[in-house]
Amino acid sequence: KDLRAVEKAFVPVIKMNFDGIEIDLLFARLALTTIP
């Protein structure tokens, strides 16, 4: 619910209410082929 992307922010984030919990979700792409 209430999904919104704030892509242009200093720290870009997807905000949402997921199953009743408010979530701020950030993203980082590492220079690794796999994530252990």
PDB file of all heavy atoms in Angstrom:
ATOM      1  N   LYS A   1       0.871  -1.193   0.000  1.00  0.00           N
ATOM      2  CA  LYS A   1       0.000   0.000   0.000  1.00  0.00           C
ATOM      3  C   LYS A   1       0.905   1.240   0.000  1.00  0.00           C
ATOM      4  O   LYS A   1       2.045   1.186   0.447  1.00  0.00           O
ATOM      5  CB  LYS A   1      -0.866   0.054   1.266  1.00  0.00           C
ATOM      6  CG  LYS A   1      -1.738  -1.181   1.507  1.00  0.00           C
ATOM      7  CD  LYS A   1      -3.068  -1.090   0.791  1.00  0.00           C
ATOM      8  CE  LYS A   1      -4.000  -2.240   1.143  1.00  0.00           C
ATOM      9  NZ  LYS A   1      -3.517  -3.578   0.885  1.00  0.00           N
ATOM     10  N   ASP A   2       0.365   2.363  -0.452  1.00  0.00           N
ATOM     11  CA  ASP A   2       1.077   3.666  -0.406  1.00  0.00           C
ATOM     12  C   ASP A   2       2.494   3.593  -0.980  1.00  0.00           C
ATOM     13  O   ASP A   2       3.438   4.161  -0.421  1.00  0.00           O
ATOM     14  CB  ASP A   2       1.155   4.202   1.040  1.00  0.00           C
ATOM     15  CG  ASP A   2      -0.221   4.339   1.668  1.00  0.00           C
ATOM     16  OD1 ASP A   2      -1.183   4.587   0.928  1.00  0.00           O
ATOM     17  OD2 ASP A   2      -0.331   4.192   2.899  1.00  0.00           O
ATOM     18  N   LEU A   3       2.639   2.888  -2.096  1.00  0.00           N
ATOM     19  CA  LEU A   3       3.958   2.734  -2.714  1.00  0.00           C
ATOM     20  C   LEU A   3       4.367   4.021  -3.428  1.00  0.00           C
ATOM     21  O   LEU A   3       3.586   4.585  -4.193  1.00  0.00           O
ATOM     22  CB  LEU A   3       3.903   1.577  -3.723  1.00  0.00           C
ATOM     23  CG  LEU A   3       5.207   1.226  -4.443  1.00  0.00           C
ATOM     24  CD1 LEU A   3       6.201   0.608  -3.470  1.00  0.00           C
ATOM     25  CD2 LEU A   3       4.928   0.261  -5.592  1.00  0.00           C
ATOM     26  N   ARG A   4       5.583   4.492  -3.163  1.00  0.00           N
ATOM     27  CA  ARG A   4       6.080   5.661  -3.894  1.00  0.00           C
ATOM     28  C   ARG A   4       7.600   5.595  -3.993  1.00  0.00           C
ATOM     29  O   ARG A   4       8.277   5.175  -3.042  1.00  0.00           O
ATOM     30  CB  ARG A   4       5.620   6.972  -3.254  1.00  0.00           C
ATOM     31  CG  ARG A   4       5.988   7.174  -1.818  1.00  0.00           C
ATOM     32  CD  ARG A   4       5.150   8.279  -1.184  1.00  0.00           C
ATOM     33  NE  ARG A   4       5.594   8.595   0.142  1.00  0.00           N
ATOM     34  CZ  ARG A   4       5.295   7.888   1.231  1.00  0.00           C
ATOM     35  NH1 ARG A   4       4.555   6.800   1.122  1.00  0.00           N
ATOM     36  NH2 ARG A   4       5.735   8.261   2.422  1.00  0.00           N
ATOM     37  N   ALA A   5       8.086   5.988  -5.158  1.00  0.00           N
ATOM     38  CA  ALA A   5       9.528   5.984  -5.405  1.00  0.00           C
ATOM     39  C   ALA A   5      10.047   7.410  -5.309  1.00  0.00           C
ATOM     40  O   ALA A   5       9.470   8.322  -5.887  1.00  0.00           O
ATOM     41  CB  ALA A   5       9.811   5.417  -6.791  1.00  0.00           C
ATOM     42  N   VAL A   6      11.133   7.594  -4.560  1.00  0.00           N
ATOM     43  CA  VAL A   6      11.768   8.915  -4.465  1.00  0.00           C
ATOM     44  C   VAL A   6      13.166   8.750  -5.061  1.00  0.00           C
ATOM     45  O   VAL A   6      14.177   8.670  -4.363  1.00  0.00           O
ATOM     46  CB  VAL A   6      11.823   9.406  -2.997  1.00  0.00           C
ATOM     47  CG1 VAL A   6      12.188  10.889  -2.944  1.00  0.00           C
ATOM     48  CG2 VAL A   6      10.499   9.169  -2.282  1.00  0.00           C
ATOM     49  N   GLU A   7      13.188   8.703  -6.388  1.00  0.00           N
ATOM     50  CA  GLU A   7      14.408   8.339  -7.115  1.00  0.00           C
ATOM     51  C   GLU A   7      15.440   9.449  -7.136  1.00  0.00           C
ATOM     52  O   GLU A   7      16.630   9.216  -7.208  1.00  0.00           O
ATOM     53  CB  GLU A   7      14.021   7.953  -8.548  1.00  0.00           C
ATOM     54  CG  GLU A   7      15.068   7.147  -9.258  1.00  0.00           C
ATOM     55  CD  GLU A   7      14.592   6.608 -10.601  1.00  0.00           C
ATOM     56  OE1 GLU A   7      13.378   6.671 -10.892  1.00  0.00           O
ATOM     57  OE2 GLU A   7      15.446   6.142 -11.361  1.00  0.00           O
ATOM     58  N   LYS A   8      14.982  10.705  -7.042  1.00  0.00           N
ATOM     59  CA  LYS A   8      15.906  11.845  -7.171  1.00  0.00           C
ATOM     60  C   LYS A   8      16.440  12.326  -5.815  1.00  0.00           C
ATOM     61  O   LYS A   8      17.126  13.320  -5.737  1.00  0.00           O
ATOM     62  CB  LYS A   8      15.181  13.020  -7.853  1.00  0.00           C
ATOM     63  CG  LYS A   8      14.717  12.729  -9.278  1.00  0.00           C
ATOM     64  CD  LYS A   8      15.887  12.744 -10.264  1.00  0.00           C
ATOM     65  CE  LYS A   8      15.432  12.716 -11.702  1.00  0.00           C
ATOM     66  NZ  LYS A   8      14.888  11.459 -12.131  1.00  0.00           N
ATOM     67  N   ALA A   9      16.099  11.626  -4.753  1.00  0.00           N
ATOM     68  CA  ALA A   9      16.552  12.040  -3.418  1.00  0.00           C
ATOM     69  C   ALA A   9      18.063  11.854  -3.287  1.00  0.00           C
ATOM     70  O   ALA A   9      18.692  11.112  -4.050  1.00  0.00           O
ATOM     71  CB  ALA A   9      15.830  11.230  -2.343  1.00  0.00           C
ATOM     72  N   PHE A  10      18.661  12.533  -2.287  1.00  0.00           N
ATOM     73  CA  PHE A  10      20.095  12.386  -1.995  1.00  0.00           C
ATOM     74  C   PHE A  10      20.422  10.911  -1.754  1.00  0.00           C
ATOM     75  O   PHE A  10      21.433  10.397  -2.210  1.00  0.00           O
ATOM     76  CB  PHE A  10      20.454  13.233  -0.774  1.00  0.00           C
ATOM     77  CG  PHE A  10      21.922  13.293  -0.475  1.00  0.00           C
ATOM     78  CD1 PHE A  10      22.807  13.905  -1.355  1.00  0.00           C
ATOM     79  CD2 PHE A  10      22.427  12.738   0.690  1.00  0.00           C
ATOM     80  CE1 PHE A  10      24.175  13.969  -1.082  1.00  0.00           C
ATOM     81  CE2 PHE A  10      23.789  12.791   0.975  1.00  0.00           C
ATOM     82  CZ  PHE A  10      24.658  13.405   0.081  1.00  0.00           C
ATOM     83  N   VAL A  11      19.531  10.234  -0.996  1.00  0.00           N
ATOM     84  CA  VAL A  11      19.607   8.777  -0.856  1.00  0.00           C
ATOM     85  C   VAL A  11      18.313   8.225  -1.469  1.00  0.00           C
ATOM     86  O   VAL A  11      17.265   8.249  -0.824  1.00  0.00           O
ATOM     87  CB  VAL A  11      19.733   8.346   0.626  1.00  0.00           C
ATOM     88  CG1 VAL A  11      19.869   6.833   0.727  1.00  0.00           C
ATOM     89  CG2 VAL A  11      20.920   9.032   1.296  1.00  0.00           C
ATOM     90  N   PRO A  12      18.349   7.759  -2.720  1.00  0.00           N
ATOM     91  CA  PRO A  12      17.128   7.300  -3.394  1.00  0.00           C
ATOM     92  C   PRO A  12      16.451   6.157  -2.637  1.00  0.00           C
ATOM     93  O   PRO A  12      17.129   5.295  -2.055  1.00  0.00           O
ATOM     94  CB  PRO A  12      17.639   6.821  -4.760  1.00  0.00           C
ATOM     95  CG  PRO A  12      18.937   7.538  -4.951  1.00  0.00           C
ATOM     96  CD  PRO A  12      19.527   7.670  -3.581  1.00  0.00           C
ATOM     97  N   VAL A  13      15.113   6.168  -2.612  1.00  0.00           N
ATOM     98  CA  VAL A  13      14.379   5.225  -1.753  1.00  0.00           C
ATOM     99  C   VAL A  13      13.022   4.878  -2.353  1.00  0.00           C
ATOM    100  O   VAL A  13      12.406   5.688  -3.046  1.00  0.00           O
ATOM    101  CB  VAL A  13      14.213   5.842  -0.327  1.00  0.00           C
ATOM    102  CG1 VAL A  13      13.435   7.154  -0.377  1.00  0.00           C
ATOM    103  CG2 VAL A  13      13.556   4.871   0.645  1.00  0.00           C
ATOM    104  N   ILE A  14      12.580   3.647  -2.094  1.00  0.00           N
ATOM    105  CA  ILE A  14      11.186   3.257  -2.334  1.00  0.00           C
ATOM    106  C   ILE A  14      10.521   3.185  -0.973  1.00  0.00           C
ATOM    107  O   ILE A  14      11.011   2.493  -0.067  1.00  0.00           O
ATOM    108  CB  ILE A  14      11.089   1.898  -3.067  1.00  0.00           C
ATOM    109  CG1 ILE A  14      11.511   2.038  -4.538  1.00  0.00           C
ATOM    110  CG2 ILE A  14       9.659   1.346  -2.989  1.00  0.00           C
ATOM    111  CD1 ILE A  14      11.513   0.736  -5.321  1.00  0.00           C
ATOM    112  N   LYS A  15       9.432   3.933  -0.810  1.00  0.00           N
ATOM    113  CA  LYS A  15       8.689   3.935   0.457  1.00  0.00           C
ATOM    114  C   LYS A  15       7.377   3.185   0.246  1.00  0.00           C
ATOM    115  O   LYS A  15       6.752   3.311  -0.812  1.00  0.00           O
ATOM    116  CB  LYS A  15       8.386   5.370   0.900  1.00  0.00           C
ATOM    117  CG  LYS A  15       9.611   6.149   1.337  1.00  0.00           C
ATOM    118  CD  LYS A  15       9.263   7.602   1.645  1.00  0.00           C
ATOM    119  CE  LYS A  15      10.420   8.314   2.306  1.00  0.00           C
ATOM    120  NZ  LYS A  15      10.563   8.035   3.726  1.00  0.00           N
ATOM    121  N   MET A  16       6.942   2.457   1.248  1.00  0.00           N
ATOM    122  CA  MET A  16       5.677   1.715   1.124  1.00  0.00           C
ATOM    123  C   MET A  16       5.207   1.239   2.493  1.00  0.00           C
ATOM    124  O   MET A  16       5.952   1.236   3.479  1.00  0.00           O
ATOM    125  CB  MET A  16       5.874   0.498   0.215  1.00  0.00           C
ATOM    126  CG  MET A  16       6.873  -0.503   0.746  1.00  0.00           C
ATOM    127  SD  MET A  16       7.159  -1.874  -0.368  1.00  0.00           S
ATOM    128  CE  MET A  16       8.868  -2.282   0.011  1.00  0.00           C
ATOM    129  N   ASN A  17       3.959   0.850   2.509  1.00  0.00           N
ATOM    130  CA  ASN A  17       3.421   0.101   3.641  1.00  0.00           C
ATOM    131  C   ASN A  17       3.287  -1.332   3.139  1.00  0.00           C
ATOM    132  O   ASN A  17       2.539  -1.603   2.208  1.00  0.00           O
ATOM    133  CB  ASN A  17       2.061   0.671   4.053  1.00  0.00           C
ATOM    134  CG  ASN A  17       1.497  -0.031   5.274  1.00  0.00           C
ATOM    135  OD1 ASN A  17       1.361  -1.246   5.291  1.00  0.00           O
ATOM    136  ND2 ASN A  17       1.167   0.729   6.301  1.00  0.00           N
ATOM    137  N   PHE A  18       4.048  -2.239   3.734  1.00  0.00           N
ATOM    138  CA  PHE A  18       4.029  -3.631   3.284  1.00  0.00           C
ATOM    139  C   PHE A  18       3.473  -4.507   4.396  1.00  0.00           C
ATOM    140  O   PHE A  18       4.073  -4.626   5.457  1.00  0.00           O
ATOM    141  CB  PHE A  18       5.438  -4.089   2.885  1.00  0.00           C
ATOM    142  CG  PHE A  18       5.460  -5.413   2.162  1.00  0.00           C
ATOM    143  CD1 PHE A  18       5.252  -5.473   0.792  1.00  0.00           C
ATOM    144  CD2 PHE A  18       5.661  -6.594   2.854  1.00  0.00           C
ATOM    145  CE1 PHE A  18       5.266  -6.688   0.119  1.00  0.00           C
ATOM    146  CE2 PHE A  18       5.672  -7.813   2.205  1.00  0.00           C
ATOM    147  CZ  PHE A  18       5.471  -7.864   0.828  1.00  0.00           C
ATOM    148  N   ASP A  19       2.300  -5.046   4.160  1.00  0.00           N
ATOM    149  CA  ASP A  19       1.647  -5.928   5.139  1.00  0.00           C
ATOM    150  C   ASP A  19       1.522  -5.243   6.508  1.00  0.00           C
ATOM    151  O   ASP A  19       1.766  -5.837   7.556  1.00  0.00           O
ATOM    152  CB  ASP A  19       2.427  -7.239   5.262  1.00  0.00           C
ATOM    153  CG  ASP A  19       1.565  -8.386   5.799  1.00  0.00           C
ATOM    154  OD1 ASP A  19       0.346  -8.171   5.973  1.00  0.00           O
ATOM    155  OD2 ASP A  19       2.108  -9.466   6.050  1.00  0.00           O
ATOM    156  N   GLY A  20       1.173  -3.927   6.471  1.00  0.00           N
ATOM    157  CA  GLY A  20       0.927  -3.193   7.715  1.00  0.00           C
ATOM    158  C   GLY A  20       2.147  -2.554   8.334  1.00  0.00           C
ATOM    159  O   GLY A  20       2.044  -1.898   9.373  1.00  0.00           O
ATOM    160  N   ILE A  21       3.332  -2.738   7.734  1.00  0.00           N
ATOM    161  CA  ILE A  21       4.570  -2.148   8.270  1.00  0.00           C
ATOM    162  C   ILE A  21       5.110  -1.123   7.278  1.00  0.00           C
ATOM    163  O   ILE A  21       5.247  -1.400   6.090  1.00  0.00           O
ATOM    164  CB  ILE A  21       5.656  -3.232   8.513  1.00  0.00           C
ATOM    165  CG1 ILE A  21       5.145  -4.325   9.463  1.00  0.00           C
ATOM    166  CG2 ILE A  21       6.940  -2.602   9.043  1.00  0.00           C
ATOM    167  CD1 ILE A  21       4.974  -3.925  10.895  1.00  0.00           C
ATOM    168  N   GLU A  22       5.440   0.083   7.793  1.00  0.00           N
ATOM    169  CA  GLU A  22       6.044   1.111   6.943  1.00  0.00           C
ATOM    170  C   GLU A  22       7.494   0.717   6.653  1.00  0.00           C
ATOM    171  O   GLU A  22       8.262   0.417   7.580  1.00  0.00           O
ATOM    172  CB  GLU A  22       6.028   2.473   7.651  1.00  0.00           C
ATOM    173  CG  GLU A  22       4.641   3.052   7.883  1.00  0.00           C
ATOM    174  CD  GLU A  22       3.949   3.500   6.595  1.00  0.00           C
ATOM    175  OE1 GLU A  22       4.668   3.851   5.624  1.00  0.00           O
ATOM    176  OE2 GLU A  22       2.720   3.480   6.556  1.00  0.00           O
ATOM    177  N   ILE A  23       7.848   0.713   5.369  1.00  0.00           N
ATOM    178  CA  ILE A  23       9.189   0.304   4.942  1.00  0.00           C
ATOM    179  C   ILE A  23       9.825   1.404   4.107  1.00  0.00           C
ATOM    180  O   ILE A  23       9.210   1.949   3.194  1.00  0.00           O
ATOM    181  CB  ILE A  23       9.121  -0.987   4.077  1.00  0.00           C
ATOM    182  CG1 ILE A  23       8.460  -2.154   4.842  1.00  0.00           C
ATOM    183  CG2 ILE A  23      10.504  -1.372   3.549  1.00  0.00           C
ATOM    184  CD1 ILE A  23       9.322  -2.842   5.856  1.00  0.00           C
ATOM    185  N   ASP A  24      11.086   1.732   4.432  1.00  0.00           N
ATOM    186  CA  ASP A  24      11.930   2.562   3.557  1.00  0.00           C
ATOM    187  C   ASP A  24      12.964   1.619   2.969  1.00  0.00           C
ATOM    188  O   ASP A  24      13.776   1.045   3.712  1.00  0.00           O
ATOM    189  CB  ASP A  24      12.648   3.660   4.357  1.00  0.00           C
ATOM    190  CG  ASP A  24      11.733   4.835   4.662  1.00  0.00           C
ATOM    191  OD1 ASP A  24      10.554   4.784   4.269  1.00  0.00           O
ATOM    192  OD2 ASP A  24      12.203   5.793   5.293  1.00  0.00           O
ATOM    193  N   LEU A  25      12.937   1.422   1.649  1.00  0.00           N
ATOM    194  CA  LEU A  25      13.827   0.448   1.012  1.00  0.00           C
ATOM    195  C   LEU A  25      14.835   1.157   0.101  1.00  0.00           C
ATOM    196  O   LEU A  25      14.467   1.808  -0.869  1.00  0.00           O
ATOM    197  CB  LEU A  25      12.989  -0.559   0.208  1.00  0.00           C
ATOM    198  CG  LEU A  25      13.741  -1.675  -0.518  1.00  0.00           C
ATOM    199  CD1 LEU A  25      14.555  -2.528   0.463  1.00  0.00           C
ATOM    200  CD2 LEU A  25      12.766  -2.571  -1.276  1.00  0.00           C
ATOM    201  N   LEU A  26      16.114   1.029   0.464  1.00  0.00           N
ATOM    202  CA  LEU A  26      17.203   1.587  -0.335  1.00  0.00           C
ATOM    203  C   LEU A  26      17.794   0.485  -1.218  1.00  0.00           C
ATOM    204  O   LEU A  26      17.478  -0.697  -1.044  1.00  0.00           O
ATOM    205  CB  LEU A  26      18.305   2.154   0.574  1.00  0.00           C
ATOM    206  CG  LEU A  26      17.901   3.070   1.723  1.00  0.00           C
ATOM    207  CD1 LEU A  26      19.142   3.567   2.457  1.00  0.00           C
ATOM    208  CD2 LEU A  26      17.071   4.236   1.234  1.00  0.00           C
ATOM    209  N   PHE A  27      18.663   0.890  -2.132  1.00  0.00           N
ATOM    210  CA  PHE A  27      19.262  -0.086  -3.046  1.00  0.00           C
ATOM    211  C   PHE A  27      20.754   0.179  -3.186  1.00  0.00           C
ATOM    212  O   PHE A  27      21.190   1.327  -3.296  1.00  0.00           O
ATOM    213  CB  PHE A  27      18.598   0.032  -4.425  1.00  0.00           C
ATOM    214  CG  PHE A  27      19.234  -0.831  -5.484  1.00  0.00           C
ATOM    215  CD1 PHE A  27      18.926  -2.181  -5.578  1.00  0.00           C
ATOM    216  CD2 PHE A  27      20.157  -0.295  -6.380  1.00  0.00           C
ATOM    217  CE1 PHE A  27      19.518  -2.985  -6.541  1.00  0.00           C
ATOM    218  CE2 PHE A  27      20.762  -1.084  -7.357  1.00  0.00           C
ATOM    219  CZ  PHE A  27      20.433  -2.441  -7.431  1.00  0.00           C
ATOM    220  N   ALA A  28      21.553  -0.900  -3.168  1.00  0.00           N
ATOM    221  CA  ALA A  28      22.991  -0.786  -3.446  1.00  0.00           C
ATOM    222  C   ALA A  28      23.413  -1.947  -4.332  1.00  0.00           C
ATOM    223  O   ALA A  28      23.119  -3.104  -4.039  1.00  0.00           O
ATOM    224  CB  ALA A  28      23.794  -0.793  -2.151  1.00  0.00           C
ATOM    225  N   ARG A  29      24.072  -1.581  -5.421  1.00  0.00           N
ATOM    226  CA  ARG A  29      24.605  -2.576  -6.356  1.00  0.00           C
ATOM    227  C   ARG A  29      26.088  -2.704  -6.067  1.00  0.00           C
ATOM    228  O   ARG A  29      26.838  -1.727  -6.187  1.00  0.00           O
ATOM    229  CB  ARG A  29      24.329  -2.055  -7.768  1.00  0.00           C
ATOM    230  CG  ARG A  29      25.058  -2.728  -8.882  1.00  0.00           C
ATOM    231  CD  ARG A  29      25.068  -1.763 -10.073  1.00  0.00           C
ATOM    232  NE  ARG A  29      25.564  -2.397 -11.267  1.00  0.00           N
ATOM    233  CZ  ARG A  29      26.024  -1.729 -12.304  1.00  0.00           C
ATOM    234  NH1 ARG A  29      26.053  -0.405 -12.276  1.00  0.00           N
ATOM    235  NH2 ARG A  29      26.468  -2.361 -13.366  1.00  0.00           N
ATOM    236  N   LEU A  30      26.522  -3.886  -5.648  1.00  0.00           N
ATOM    237  CA  LEU A  30      27.934  -4.080  -5.318  1.00  0.00           C
ATOM    238  C   LEU A  30      28.711  -4.549  -6.552  1.00  0.00           C
ATOM    239  O   LEU A  30      28.125  -5.100  -7.490  1.00  0.00           O
ATOM    240  CB  LEU A  30      28.079  -5.108  -4.191  1.00  0.00           C
ATOM    241  CG  LEU A  30      27.416  -4.751  -2.850  1.00  0.00           C
ATOM    242  CD1 LEU A  30      27.763  -5.786  -1.795  1.00  0.00           C
ATOM    243  CD2 LEU A  30      27.818  -3.366  -2.375  1.00  0.00           C
ATOM    244  N   ALA A  31      30.016  -4.369  -6.532  1.00  0.00           N
ATOM    245  CA  ALA A  31      30.860  -4.791  -7.658  1.00  0.00           C
ATOM    246  C   ALA A  31      31.218  -6.272  -7.513  1.00  0.00           C
ATOM    247  O   ALA A  31      32.375  -6.681  -7.665  1.00  0.00           O
ATOM    248  CB  ALA A  31      32.119  -3.924  -7.703  1.00  0.00           C
ATOM    249  N   LEU A  32      30.222  -7.089  -7.212  1.00  0.00           N
ATOM    250  CA  LEU A  32      30.409  -8.530  -7.019  1.00  0.00           C
ATOM    251  C   LEU A  32      29.495  -9.290  -7.978  1.00  0.00           C
ATOM    252  O   LEU A  32      28.375  -8.848  -8.258  1.00  0.00           O
ATOM    253  CB  LEU A  32      30.035  -8.937  -5.582  1.00  0.00           C
ATOM    254  CG  LEU A  32      30.787  -8.280  -4.421  1.00  0.00           C
ATOM    255  CD1 LEU A  32      30.181  -8.682  -3.093  1.00  0.00           C
ATOM    256  CD2 LEU A  32      32.271  -8.659  -4.456  1.00  0.00           C
ATOM    257  N   THR A  33      29.960 -10.447  -8.450  1.00  0.00           N
ATOM    258  CA  THR A  33      29.110 -11.249  -9.340  1.00  0.00           C
ATOM    259  C   THR A  33      28.040 -11.989  -8.546  1.00  0.00           C
ATOM    260  O   THR A  33      26.951 -12.255  -9.054  1.00  0.00           O
ATOM    261  CB  THR A  33      29.954 -12.281 -10.124  1.00  0.00           C
ATOM    262  OG1 THR A  33      30.764 -12.999  -9.196  1.00  0.00           O
ATOM    263  CG2 THR A  33      30.830 -11.585 -11.152  1.00  0.00           C
ATOM    264  N   THR A  34      28.346 -12.328  -7.279  1.00  0.00           N
ATOM    265  CA  THR A  34      27.359 -12.989  -6.411  1.00  0.00           C
ATOM    266  C   THR A  34      27.393 -12.328  -5.033  1.00  0.00           C
ATOM    267  O   THR A  34      28.415 -11.784  -4.612  1.00  0.00           O
ATOM    268  CB  THR A  34      27.663 -14.496  -6.240  1.00  0.00           C
ATOM    269  OG1 THR A  34      28.954 -14.641  -5.647  1.00  0.00           O
ATOM    270  CG2 THR A  34      27.617 -15.229  -7.571  1.00  0.00           C
ATOM    271  N   ILE A  35      26.253 -12.407  -4.345  1.00  0.00           N
ATOM    272  CA  ILE A  35      26.150 -11.849  -2.987  1.00  0.00           C
ATOM    273  C   ILE A  35      26.120 -13.007  -1.993  1.00  0.00           C
ATOM    274  O   ILE A  35      25.134 -13.755  -1.927  1.00  0.00           O
ATOM    275  CB  ILE A  35      24.861 -10.996  -2.833  1.00  0.00           C
ATOM    276  CG1 ILE A  35      24.826  -9.859  -3.861  1.00  0.00           C
ATOM    277  CG2 ILE A  35      24.741 -10.459  -1.404  1.00  0.00           C
ATOM    278  CD1 ILE A  35      25.937  -8.834  -3.757  1.00  0.00           C
ATOM    279  N   PRO A  36      27.196 -13.203  -1.230  1.00  0.00           N
ATOM    280  CA  PRO A  36      27.199 -14.323  -0.267  1.00  0.00           C
ATOM    281  C   PRO A  36      26.212 -14.092   0.875  1.00  0.00           C
ATOM    282  O   PRO A  36      25.949 -12.946   1.262  1.00  0.00           O
ATOM    283  CB  PRO A  36      28.640 -14.349   0.248  1.00  0.00           C
ATOM    284  CG  PRO A  36      29.194 -12.997  -0.032  1.00  0.00           C
ATOM    285  CD  PRO A  36      28.441 -12.435  -1.202  1.00  0.00           C
TER     286      PRO A  36
END
